[in-house]
PDB file of N, CA and C in Angstrom:
ATOM      1  N   MET A   1       0.850  -1.158   0.040  1.00  0.00           N
ATOM      2  CA  MET A   1       0.006  -0.011   0.001  1.00  0.00           C
ATOM      3  C   MET A   1       0.886   1.215  -0.004  1.00  0.00           C
ATOM      4  N   ILE A   2       0.483   2.215  -0.745  1.00  0.00           N
ATOM      5  CA  ILE A   2       1.194   3.463  -0.790  1.00  0.00           C
ATOM      6  C   ILE A   2       1.031   4.243   0.486  1.00  0.00           C
ATOM      7  N   SER A   3       2.132   4.706   1.069  1.00  0.00           N
ATOM      8  CA  SER A   3       2.108   5.394   2.300  1.00  0.00           C
ATOM      9  C   SER A   3       1.511   6.812   2.129  1.00  0.00           C
ATOM     10  N   LYS A   4       1.141   7.405   3.236  1.00  0.00           N
ATOM     11  CA  LYS A   4       0.640   8.770   3.241  1.00  0.00           C
ATOM     12  C   LYS A   4       1.749   9.754   2.803  1.00  0.00           C
ATOM     13  N   GLU A   5       2.995   9.452   3.183  1.00  0.00           N
ATOM     14  CA  GLU A   5       4.136  10.261   2.801  1.00  0.00           C
ATOM     15  C   GLU A   5       4.357  10.245   1.314  1.00  0.00           C
ATOM     16  N   GLN A   6       4.182   9.071   0.681  1.00  0.00           N
ATOM     17  CA  GLN A   6       4.293   8.988  -0.748  1.00  0.00           C
ATOM     18  C   GLN A   6       3.258   9.749  -1.492  1.00  0.00           C
ATOM     19  N   VAL A   7       2.035   9.714  -0.960  1.00  0.00           N
ATOM     20  CA  VAL A   7       0.949  10.518  -1.523  1.00  0.00           C
ATOM     21  C   VAL A   7       1.222  12.013  -1.409  1.00  0.00           C
ATOM     22  N   GLU A   8       1.725  12.390  -0.232  1.00  0.00           N
ATOM     23  CA  GLU A   8       2.101  13.819  -0.039  1.00  0.00           C
ATOM     24  C   GLU A   8       3.188  14.246  -1.036  1.00  0.00           C
ATOM     25  N   HIS A   9       4.154  13.342  -1.221  1.00  0.00           N
ATOM     26  CA  HIS A   9       5.251  13.645  -2.145  1.00  0.00           C
ATOM     27  C   HIS A   9       4.709  13.766  -3.599  1.00  0.00           C
ATOM     28  N   ILE A  10       3.844  12.880  -4.013  1.00  0.00           N
ATOM     29  CA  ILE A  10       3.216  12.961  -5.329  1.00  0.00           C
ATOM     30  C   ILE A  10       2.423  14.215  -5.518  1.00  0.00           C
ATOM     31  N   ALA A  11       1.686  14.588  -4.446  1.00  0.00           N
ATOM     32  CA  ALA A  11       0.881  15.821  -4.503  1.00  0.00           C
ATOM     33  C   ALA A  11       1.771  17.023  -4.599  1.00  0.00           C
ATOM     34  N   LYS A  12       2.906  16.984  -3.935  1.00  0.00           N
ATOM     35  CA  LYS A  12       3.822  18.132  -3.919  1.00  0.00           C
ATOM     36  C   LYS A  12       4.414  18.277  -5.322  1.00  0.00           C
ATOM     37  N   LEU A  13       4.804  17.134  -5.992  1.00  0.00           N
ATOM     38  CA  LEU A  13       5.336  17.172  -7.369  1.00  0.00           C
ATOM     39  C   LEU A  13       4.302  17.698  -8.340  1.00  0.00           C
ATOM     40  N   ALA A  14       3.014  17.373  -8.074  1.00  0.00           N
ATOM     41  CA  ALA A  14       1.921  17.779  -9.022  1.00  0.00           C
ATOM     42  C   ALA A  14       1.458  19.189  -8.568  1.00  0.00           C
ATOM     43  N   ARG A  15       1.959  19.736  -7.531  1.00  0.00           N
ATOM     44  CA  ARG A  15       1.622  21.017  -6.993  1.00  0.00           C
ATOM     45  C   ARG A  15       0.136  21.182  -6.751  1.00  0.00           C
ATOM     46  N   ILE A  16      -0.404  20.180  -6.017  1.00  0.00           N
ATOM     47  CA  ILE A  16      -1.771  20.245  -5.566  1.00  0.00           C
ATOM     48  C   ILE A  16      -1.792  20.013  -4.088  1.00  0.00           C
ATOM     49  N   ASP A  17      -2.714  20.715  -3.425  1.00  0.00           N
ATOM     50  CA  ASP A  17      -2.922  20.571  -2.037  1.00  0.00           C
ATOM     51  C   ASP A  17      -4.026  19.509  -1.762  1.00  0.00           C
ATOM     52  N   LEU A  18      -3.718  18.592  -0.861  1.00  0.00           N
ATOM     53  CA  LEU A  18      -4.730  17.619  -0.521  1.00  0.00           C
ATOM     54  C   LEU A  18      -5.057  17.670   0.945  1.00  0.00           C
ATOM     55  N   SER A  19      -6.258  17.469   1.270  1.00  0.00           N
ATOM     56  CA  SER A  19      -6.692  17.408   2.695  1.00  0.00           C
ATOM     57  C   SER A  19      -6.299  16.056   3.221  1.00  0.00           C
ATOM     58  N   GLU A  20      -6.345  15.911   4.527  1.00  0.00           N
ATOM     59  CA  GLU A  20      -6.101  14.640   5.176  1.00  0.00           C
ATOM     60  C   GLU A  20      -6.973  13.487   4.606  1.00  0.00           C
ATOM     61  N   LYS A  21      -8.224  13.807   4.472  1.00  0.00           N
ATOM     62  CA  LYS A  21      -9.191  12.862   3.914  1.00  0.00           C
ATOM     63  C   LYS A  21      -8.827  12.448   2.518  1.00  0.00           C
ATOM     64  N   GLU A  22      -8.406  13.423   1.694  1.00  0.00           N
ATOM     65  CA  GLU A  22      -8.038  13.124   0.316  1.00  0.00           C
ATOM     66  C   GLU A  22      -6.756  12.282   0.214  1.00  0.00           C
ATOM     67  N   GLU A  23      -5.838  12.527   1.131  1.00  0.00           N
ATOM     68  CA  GLU A  23      -4.624  11.728   1.189  1.00  0.00           C
ATOM     69  C   GLU A  23      -4.946  10.269   1.467  1.00  0.00           C
ATOM     70  N   GLU A  24      -5.760  10.038   2.348  1.00  0.00           N
ATOM     71  CA  GLU A  24      -6.211   8.674   2.686  1.00  0.00           C
ATOM     72  C   GLU A  24      -6.894   7.968   1.465  1.00  0.00           C
ATOM     73  N   LYS A  25      -7.798   8.736   0.839  1.00  0.00           N
ATOM     74  CA  LYS A  25      -8.527   8.326  -0.325  1.00  0.00           C
ATOM     75  C   LYS A  25      -7.562   7.933  -1.462  1.00  0.00           C
ATOM     76  N   PHE A  26      -6.629   8.787  -1.762  1.00  0.00           N
ATOM     77  CA  PHE A  26      -5.707   8.612  -2.863  1.00  0.00           C
ATOM     78  C   PHE A  26      -4.668   7.523  -2.570  1.00  0.00           C
ATOM     79  N   SER A  27      -4.341   7.328  -1.331  1.00  0.00           N
ATOM     80  CA  SER A  27      -3.503   6.230  -0.862  1.00  0.00           C
ATOM     81  C   SER A  27      -4.112   4.890  -1.258  1.00  0.00           C
ATOM     82  N   LYS A  28      -5.369   4.733  -0.969  1.00  0.00           N
ATOM     83  CA  LYS A  28      -6.139   3.513  -1.279  1.00  0.00           C
ATOM     84  C   LYS A  28      -6.275   3.314  -2.813  1.00  0.00           C
ATOM     85  N   GLU A  29      -6.646   4.418  -3.484  1.00  0.00           N
ATOM     86  CA  GLU A  29      -6.892   4.349  -4.925  1.00  0.00           C
ATOM     87  C   GLU A  29      -5.602   4.115  -5.718  1.00  0.00           C
ATOM     88  N   LEU A  30      -4.503   4.786  -5.371  1.00  0.00           N
ATOM     89  CA  LEU A  30      -3.238   4.548  -6.020  1.00  0.00           C
ATOM     90  C   LEU A  30      -2.748   3.144  -5.789  1.00  0.00           C
ATOM     91  N   SER A  31      -2.928   2.653  -4.571  1.00  0.00           N
ATOM     92  CA  SER A  31      -2.517   1.284  -4.251  1.00  0.00           C
ATOM     93  C   SER A  31      -3.293   0.269  -5.081  1.00  0.00           C
ATOM     94  N   SER A  32      -4.573   0.459  -5.269  1.00  0.00           N
ATOM     95  CA  SER A  32      -5.411  -0.483  -6.067  1.00  0.00           C
ATOM     96  C   SER A  32      -4.977  -0.434  -7.503  1.00  0.00           C
ATOM     97  N   ILE A  33      -4.623   0.755  -8.001  1.00  0.00           N
ATOM     98  CA  ILE A  33      -4.201   0.879  -9.402  1.00  0.00           C
ATOM     99  C   ILE A  33      -2.877   0.128  -9.577  1.00  0.00           C
ATOM    100  N   LEU A  34      -1.956   0.335  -8.626  1.00  0.00           N
ATOM    101  CA  LEU A  34      -0.619  -0.356  -8.725  1.00  0.00           C
ATOM    102  C   LEU A  34      -0.818  -1.898  -8.595  1.00  0.00           C
ATOM    103  N   ASP A  35      -1.756  -2.322  -7.761  1.00  0.00           N
ATOM    104  CA  ASP A  35      -2.040  -3.726  -7.613  1.00  0.00           C
ATOM    105  C   ASP A  35      -2.542  -4.336  -8.931  1.00  0.00           C
ATOM    106  N   PHE A  36      -3.386  -3.577  -9.629  1.00  0.00           N
ATOM    107  CA  PHE A  36      -3.936  -4.013 -10.910  1.00  0.00           C
ATOM    108  C   PHE A  36      -2.773  -4.105 -11.947  1.00  0.00           C
ATOM    109  N   VAL A  37      -1.915  -3.098 -11.991  1.00  0.00           N
ATOM    110  CA  VAL A  37      -0.780  -3.117 -12.921  1.00  0.00           C
ATOM    111  C   VAL A  37       0.102  -4.308 -12.562  1.00  0.00           C
ATOM    112  N   ASP A  38       0.286  -4.600 -11.320  1.00  0.00           N
ATOM    113  CA  ASP A  38       1.038  -5.766 -10.978  1.00  0.00           C
ATOM    114  C   ASP A  38       0.438  -7.069 -11.532  1.00  0.00           C
ATOM    115  N   GLN A  39      -0.866  -7.209 -11.499  1.00  0.00           N
ATOM    116  CA  GLN A  39      -1.535  -8.314 -12.069  1.00  0.00           C
ATOM    117  C   GLN A  39      -1.338  -8.399 -13.552  1.00  0.00           C
ATOM    118  N   LEU A  40      -1.356  -7.259 -14.190  1.00  0.00           N
ATOM    119  CA  LEU A  40      -1.110  -7.246 -15.649  1.00  0.00           C
ATOM    120  C   LEU A  40       0.356  -7.629 -15.944  1.00  0.00           C
ATOM    121  N   ASN A  41       1.279  -7.249 -15.119  1.00  0.00           N
ATOM    122  CA  ASN A  41       2.672  -7.641 -15.322  1.00  0.00           C
ATOM    123  C   ASN A  41       2.932  -9.126 -15.193  1.00  0.00           C
ATOM    124  N   GLN A  42       2.010  -9.808 -14.431  1.00  0.00           N
ATOM    125  CA  GLN A  42       2.198 -11.231 -14.248  1.00  0.00           C
ATOM    126  C   GLN A  42       1.643 -12.042 -15.420  1.00  0.00           C
ATOM    127  N   ALA A  43       0.960 -11.457 -16.307  1.00  0.00           N
ATOM    128  CA  ALA A  43       0.409 -12.142 -17.484  1.00  0.00           C
ATOM    129  C   ALA A  43       1.558 -12.582 -18.384  1.00  0.00           C
ATOM    130  N   ASP A  44       1.388 -13.844 -18.907  1.00  0.00           N
ATOM    131  CA  ASP A  44       2.398 -14.435 -19.784  1.00  0.00           C
ATOM    132  C   ASP A  44       2.213 -13.862 -21.206  1.00  0.00           C
ATOM    133  N   THR A  45       3.186 -13.038 -21.644  1.00  0.00           N
ATOM    134  CA  THR A  45       3.068 -12.408 -22.966  1.00  0.00           C
ATOM    135  C   THR A  45       4.279 -12.810 -23.850  1.00  0.00           C
ATOM    136  N   LYS A  46       4.909 -13.913 -23.544  1.00  0.00           N
ATOM    137  CA  LYS A  46       6.114 -14.391 -24.276  1.00  0.00           C
ATOM    138  C   LYS A  46       5.809 -14.512 -25.793  1.00  0.00           C
ATOM    139  N   ASN A  47       4.705 -15.158 -26.105  1.00  0.00           N
ATOM    140  CA  ASN A  47       4.351 -15.472 -27.497  1.00  0.00           C
ATOM    141  C   ASN A  47       3.419 -14.494 -28.122  1.00  0.00           C
ATOM    142  N   ILE A  48       3.328 -13.318 -27.563  1.00  0.00           N
ATOM    143  CA  ILE A  48       2.451 -12.287 -28.143  1.00  0.00           C
ATOM    144  C   ILE A  48       3.270 -11.274 -28.833  1.00  0.00           C
ATOM    145  N   LYS A  49       2.986 -11.007 -30.126  1.00  0.00           N
ATOM    146  CA  LYS A  49       3.713 -10.034 -30.857  1.00  0.00           C
ATOM    147  C   LYS A  49       3.186  -8.667 -30.540  1.00  0.00           C
ATOM    148  N   PRO A  50       4.065  -7.640 -30.389  1.00  0.00           N
ATOM    149  CA  PRO A  50       3.624  -6.289 -30.121  1.00  0.00           C
ATOM    150  C   PRO A  50       2.878  -5.726 -31.325  1.00  0.00           C
ATOM    151  N   ILE A  51       1.819  -5.002 -31.059  1.00  0.00           N
ATOM    152  CA  ILE A  51       1.097  -4.401 -32.157  1.00  0.00           C
ATOM    153  C   ILE A  51       0.861  -2.913 -31.888  1.00  0.00           C
ATOM    154  N   GLN A  52       0.698  -2.118 -32.900  1.00  0.00           N
ATOM    155  CA  GLN A  52       0.465  -0.724 -32.731  1.00  0.00           C
ATOM    156  C   GLN A  52      -1.023  -0.350 -32.851  1.00  0.00           C
ATOM    157  N   GLN A  53      -1.636  -1.167 -33.722  1.00  0.00           N
ATOM    158  CA  GLN A  53      -3.089  -0.970 -33.862  1.00  0.00           C
ATOM    159  C   GLN A  53      -3.687  -2.253 -34.479  1.00  0.00           C
ATOM    160  N   ILE A  54      -4.963  -2.422 -34.421  1.00  0.00           N
ATOM    161  CA  ILE A  54      -5.593  -3.690 -34.803  1.00  0.00           C
ATOM    162  C   ILE A  54      -6.479  -3.626 -36.009  1.00  0.00           C
ATOM    163  N   THR A  55      -6.552  -2.442 -36.621  1.00  0.00           N
ATOM    164  CA  THR A  55      -7.499  -2.308 -37.761  1.00  0.00           C
ATOM    165  C   THR A  55      -6.938  -2.704 -39.121  1.00  0.00           C
ATOM    166  N   GLY A  56      -5.589  -2.844 -39.165  1.00  0.00           N
ATOM    167  CA  GLY A  56      -4.976  -3.195 -40.469  1.00  0.00           C
ATOM    168  C   GLY A  56      -4.747  -1.926 -41.332  1.00  0.00           C
ATOM    169  N   LEU A  57      -5.087  -0.776 -40.906  1.00  0.00           N
ATOM    170  CA  LEU A  57      -4.858   0.405 -41.686  1.00  0.00           C
ATOM    171  C   LEU A  57      -3.369   0.751 -41.668  1.00  0.00           C
ATOM    172  N   GLU A  58      -2.939   1.365 -42.780  1.00  0.00           N
ATOM    173  CA  GLU A  58      -1.548   1.861 -42.806  1.00  0.00           C
ATOM    174  C   GLU A  58      -1.486   3.337 -42.694  1.00  0.00           C
ATOM    175  N   SER A  59      -0.395   3.835 -42.325  1.00  0.00           N
ATOM    176  CA  SER A  59      -0.166   5.254 -42.196  1.00  0.00           C
ATOM    177  C   SER A  59      -0.499   6.014 -43.466  1.00  0.00           C
ATOM    178  N   VAL A  60      -1.242   7.045 -43.379  1.00  0.00           N
ATOM    179  CA  VAL A  60      -1.554   7.856 -44.590  1.00  0.00           C
ATOM    180  C   VAL A  60      -0.642   9.046 -44.673  1.00  0.00           C
ATOM    181  N   MET A  61       0.333   9.167 -43.733  1.00  0.00           N
ATOM    182  CA  MET A  61       1.299  10.272 -43.798  1.00  0.00           C
ATOM    183  C   MET A  61       2.302  10.000 -44.852  1.00  0.00           C
ATOM    184  N   ARG A  62       2.600  11.012 -45.630  1.00  0.00           N
ATOM    185  CA  ARG A  62       3.612  10.866 -46.662  1.00  0.00           C
ATOM    186  C   ARG A  62       5.042  10.967 -46.096  1.00  0.00           C
ATOM    187  N   LYS A  63       5.980  10.487 -46.812  1.00  0.00           N
ATOM    188  CA  LYS A  63       7.357  10.523 -46.424  1.00  0.00           C
ATOM    189  C   LYS A  63       7.810  12.034 -46.412  1.00  0.00           C
ATOM    190  N   ASP A  64       8.723  12.381 -45.548  1.00  0.00           N
ATOM    191  CA  ASP A  64       9.238  13.801 -45.519  1.00  0.00           C
ATOM    192  C   ASP A  64      10.341  13.884 -46.507  1.00  0.00           C
ATOM    193  N   GLU A  65       9.981  14.162 -47.693  1.00  0.00           N
ATOM    194  CA  GLU A  65      10.923  14.271 -48.843  1.00  0.00           C
ATOM    195  C   GLU A  65      10.818  15.677 -49.491  1.00  0.00           C
ATOM    196  N   VAL A  66      11.893  16.120 -50.014  1.00  0.00           N
ATOM    197  CA  VAL A  66      11.863  17.419 -50.773  1.00  0.00           C
ATOM    198  C   VAL A  66      11.226  17.192 -52.114  1.00  0.00           C
ATOM    199  N   ASN A  67      10.261  18.046 -52.423  1.00  0.00           N
ATOM    200  CA  ASN A  67       9.571  17.954 -53.683  1.00  0.00           C
ATOM    201  C   ASN A  67       9.997  19.155 -54.541  1.00  0.00           C
ATOM    202  N   PRO A  68      10.748  18.910 -55.600  1.00  0.00           N
ATOM    203  CA  PRO A  68      11.279  20.022 -56.415  1.00  0.00           C
ATOM    204  C   PRO A  68      10.189  20.869 -56.938  1.00  0.00           C
ATOM    205  N   LYS A  69       9.019  20.343 -57.307  1.00  0.00           N
ATOM    206  CA  LYS A  69       7.920  21.139 -57.845  1.00  0.00           C
ATOM    207  C   LYS A  69       7.470  22.121 -56.798  1.00  0.00           C
ATOM    208  N   LEU A  70       7.367  21.734 -55.506  1.00  0.00           N
ATOM    209  CA  LEU A  70       6.957  22.662 -54.483  1.00  0.00           C
ATOM    210  C   LEU A  70       8.037  23.703 -54.213  1.00  0.00           C
ATOM    211  N   GLN A  71       9.304  23.344 -54.322  1.00  0.00           N
ATOM    212  CA  GLN A  71      10.386  24.299 -54.151  1.00  0.00           C
ATOM    213  C   GLN A  71      10.254  25.416 -55.202  1.00  0.00           C
ATOM    214  N   THR A  72       9.969  25.074 -56.392  1.00  0.00           N
ATOM    215  CA  THR A  72       9.779  26.042 -57.467  1.00  0.00           C
ATOM    216  C   THR A  72       8.614  26.967 -57.142  1.00  0.00           C
ATOM    217  N   THR A  73       7.549  26.431 -56.698  1.00  0.00           N
ATOM    218  CA  THR A  73       6.379  27.257 -56.304  1.00  0.00           C
ATOM    219  C   THR A  73       6.754  28.192 -55.133  1.00  0.00           C
ATOM    220  N   ASN A  74       7.475  27.690 -54.173  1.00  0.00           N
ATOM    221  CA  ASN A  74       7.821  28.556 -53.068  1.00  0.00           C
ATOM    222  C   ASN A  74       8.718  29.712 -53.469  1.00  0.00           C
ATOM    223  N   TYR A  75       9.638  29.478 -54.401  1.00  0.00           N
ATOM    224  CA  TYR A  75      10.486  30.560 -54.902  1.00  0.00           C
ATOM    225  C   TYR A  75       9.677  31.570 -55.609  1.00  0.00           C
ATOM    226  N   LYS A  76       8.690  31.121 -56.446  1.00  0.00           N
ATOM    227  CA  LYS A  76       7.839  32.063 -57.160  1.00  0.00           C
ATOM    228  C   LYS A  76       7.029  32.910 -56.170  1.00  0.00           C
ATOM    229  N   LEU A  77       6.539  32.298 -55.093  1.00  0.00           N
ATOM    230  CA  LEU A  77       5.805  33.067 -54.085  1.00  0.00           C
ATOM    231  C   LEU A  77       6.716  34.083 -53.391  1.00  0.00           C
ATOM    232  N   LEU A  78       7.945  33.706 -53.089  1.00  0.00           N
ATOM    233  CA  LEU A  78       8.860  34.652 -52.472  1.00  0.00           C
ATOM    234  C   LEU A  78       9.200  35.831 -53.387  1.00  0.00           C
ATOM    235  N   GLU A  79       9.120  35.625 -54.705  1.00  0.00           N
ATOM    236  CA  GLU A  79       9.411  36.746 -55.626  1.00  0.00           C
ATOM    237  C   GLU A  79       8.437  37.894 -55.442  1.00  0.00           C
ATOM    238  N   GLY A  80       7.208  37.574 -55.009  1.00  0.00           N
ATOM    239  CA  GLY A  80       6.187  38.616 -54.753  1.00  0.00           C
ATOM    240  C   GLY A  80       6.193  39.147 -53.382  1.00  0.00           C
ATOM    241  N   ALA A  81       7.064  38.733 -52.561  1.00  0.00           N
ATOM    242  CA  ALA A  81       7.152  39.252 -51.155  1.00  0.00           C
ATOM    243  C   ALA A  81       7.657  40.634 -51.122  1.00  0.00           C
ATOM    244  N   PRO A  82       6.983  41.541 -50.299  1.00  0.00           N
ATOM    245  CA  PRO A  82       7.541  42.903 -50.237  1.00  0.00           C
ATOM    246  C   PRO A  82       8.919  43.007 -49.621  1.00  0.00           C
ATOM    247  N   ASP A  83       9.246  42.091 -48.722  1.00  0.00           N
ATOM    248  CA  ASP A  83      10.570  42.094 -48.114  1.00  0.00           C
ATOM    249  C   ASP A  83      10.989  40.671 -47.788  1.00  0.00           C
ATOM    250  N   LYS A  84      12.187  40.275 -48.161  1.00  0.00           N
ATOM    251  CA  LYS A  84      12.640  38.916 -47.912  1.00  0.00           C
ATOM    252  C   LYS A  84      14.132  38.932 -47.562  1.00  0.00           C
ATOM    253  N   LYS A  85      14.617  37.834 -46.934  1.00  0.00           N
ATOM    254  CA  LYS A  85      15.967  37.716 -46.619  1.00  0.00           C
ATOM    255  C   LYS A  85      16.292  36.202 -46.855  1.00  0.00           C
ATOM    256  N   ASP A  86      17.271  35.999 -47.710  1.00  0.00           N
ATOM    257  CA  ASP A  86      17.632  34.612 -48.105  1.00  0.00           C
ATOM    258  C   ASP A  86      16.358  33.967 -48.739  1.00  0.00           C
ATOM    259  N   ASN A  87      15.917  32.877 -48.273  1.00  0.00           N
ATOM    260  CA  ASN A  87      14.742  32.233 -48.817  1.00  0.00           C
ATOM    261  C   ASN A  87      13.526  32.340 -47.822  1.00  0.00           C
ATOM    262  N   TYR A  88      13.486  33.431 -47.079  1.00  0.00           N
ATOM    263  CA  TYR A  88      12.402  33.596 -46.077  1.00  0.00           C
ATOM    264  C   TYR A  88      11.732  34.906 -46.220  1.00  0.00           C
ATOM    265  N   TYR A  89      10.501  35.000 -45.804  1.00  0.00           N
ATOM    266  CA  TYR A  89       9.773  36.218 -45.741  1.00  0.00           C
ATOM    267  C   TYR A  89      10.369  37.021 -44.587  1.00  0.00           C
ATOM    268  N   LYS A  90      10.485  38.321 -44.759  1.00  0.00           N
ATOM    269  CA  LYS A  90      10.961  39.192 -43.672  1.00  0.00           C
ATOM    270  C   LYS A  90       9.773  39.983 -43.199  1.00  0.00           C
ATOM    271  N   VAL A  91       9.480  39.867 -41.931  1.00  0.00           N
ATOM    272  CA  VAL A  91       8.290  40.579 -41.356  1.00  0.00           C
ATOM    273  C   VAL A  91       8.761  41.456 -40.236  1.00  0.00           C
ATOM    274  N   PRO A  92       7.936  42.474 -39.891  1.00  0.00           N
ATOM    275  CA  PRO A  92       8.338  43.341 -38.740  1.00  0.00           C
ATOM    276  C   PRO A  92       8.454  42.556 -37.459  1.00  0.00           C
ATOM    277  N   LYS A  93       9.401  42.992 -36.580  1.00  0.00           N
ATOM    278  CA  LYS A  93       9.629  42.368 -35.272  1.00  0.00           C
ATOM    279  C   LYS A  93       8.431  42.790 -34.362  1.00  0.00           C
ATOM    280  N   ILE A  94       7.841  41.828 -33.623  1.00  0.00           N
ATOM    281  CA  ILE A  94       6.812  42.237 -32.729  1.00  0.00           C
ATOM    282  C   ILE A  94       7.172  42.001 -31.262  1.00  0.00           C
ATOM    283  N   PHE A  95       8.302  41.318 -30.984  1.00  0.00           N
ATOM    284  CA  PHE A  95       8.798  41.136 -29.612  1.00  0.00           C
ATOM    285  C   PHE A  95      10.171  41.793 -29.513  1.00  0.00           C
ATOM    286  N   GLU A  96      10.464  42.316 -28.390  1.00  0.00           N
ATOM    287  CA  GLU A  96      11.787  42.910 -28.135  1.00  0.00           C
ATOM    288  C   GLU A  96      12.715  41.804 -27.627  1.00  0.00           C
TER     289      GLU A  96
END
């Protein structure tokens, strides 16, 4: 069981104030959560392959590659910029 001191320490790290009653309540609740996690750790998972998802869908995100066509478009857009430096738009400073 998690001690009252451990609950106080966790509360201090989380920067929350707990009453005496809340400390007792969370001591019991956190202990039951950790007991359940311990039960899960005892399950035999030697022959279970790790999975990320179960739907069979594949990532729809594209690879992070340079696209020459887009680079050309970006340079054309920069040509119309009122102020630029190197390959970037130059804008007024708003923070000191």
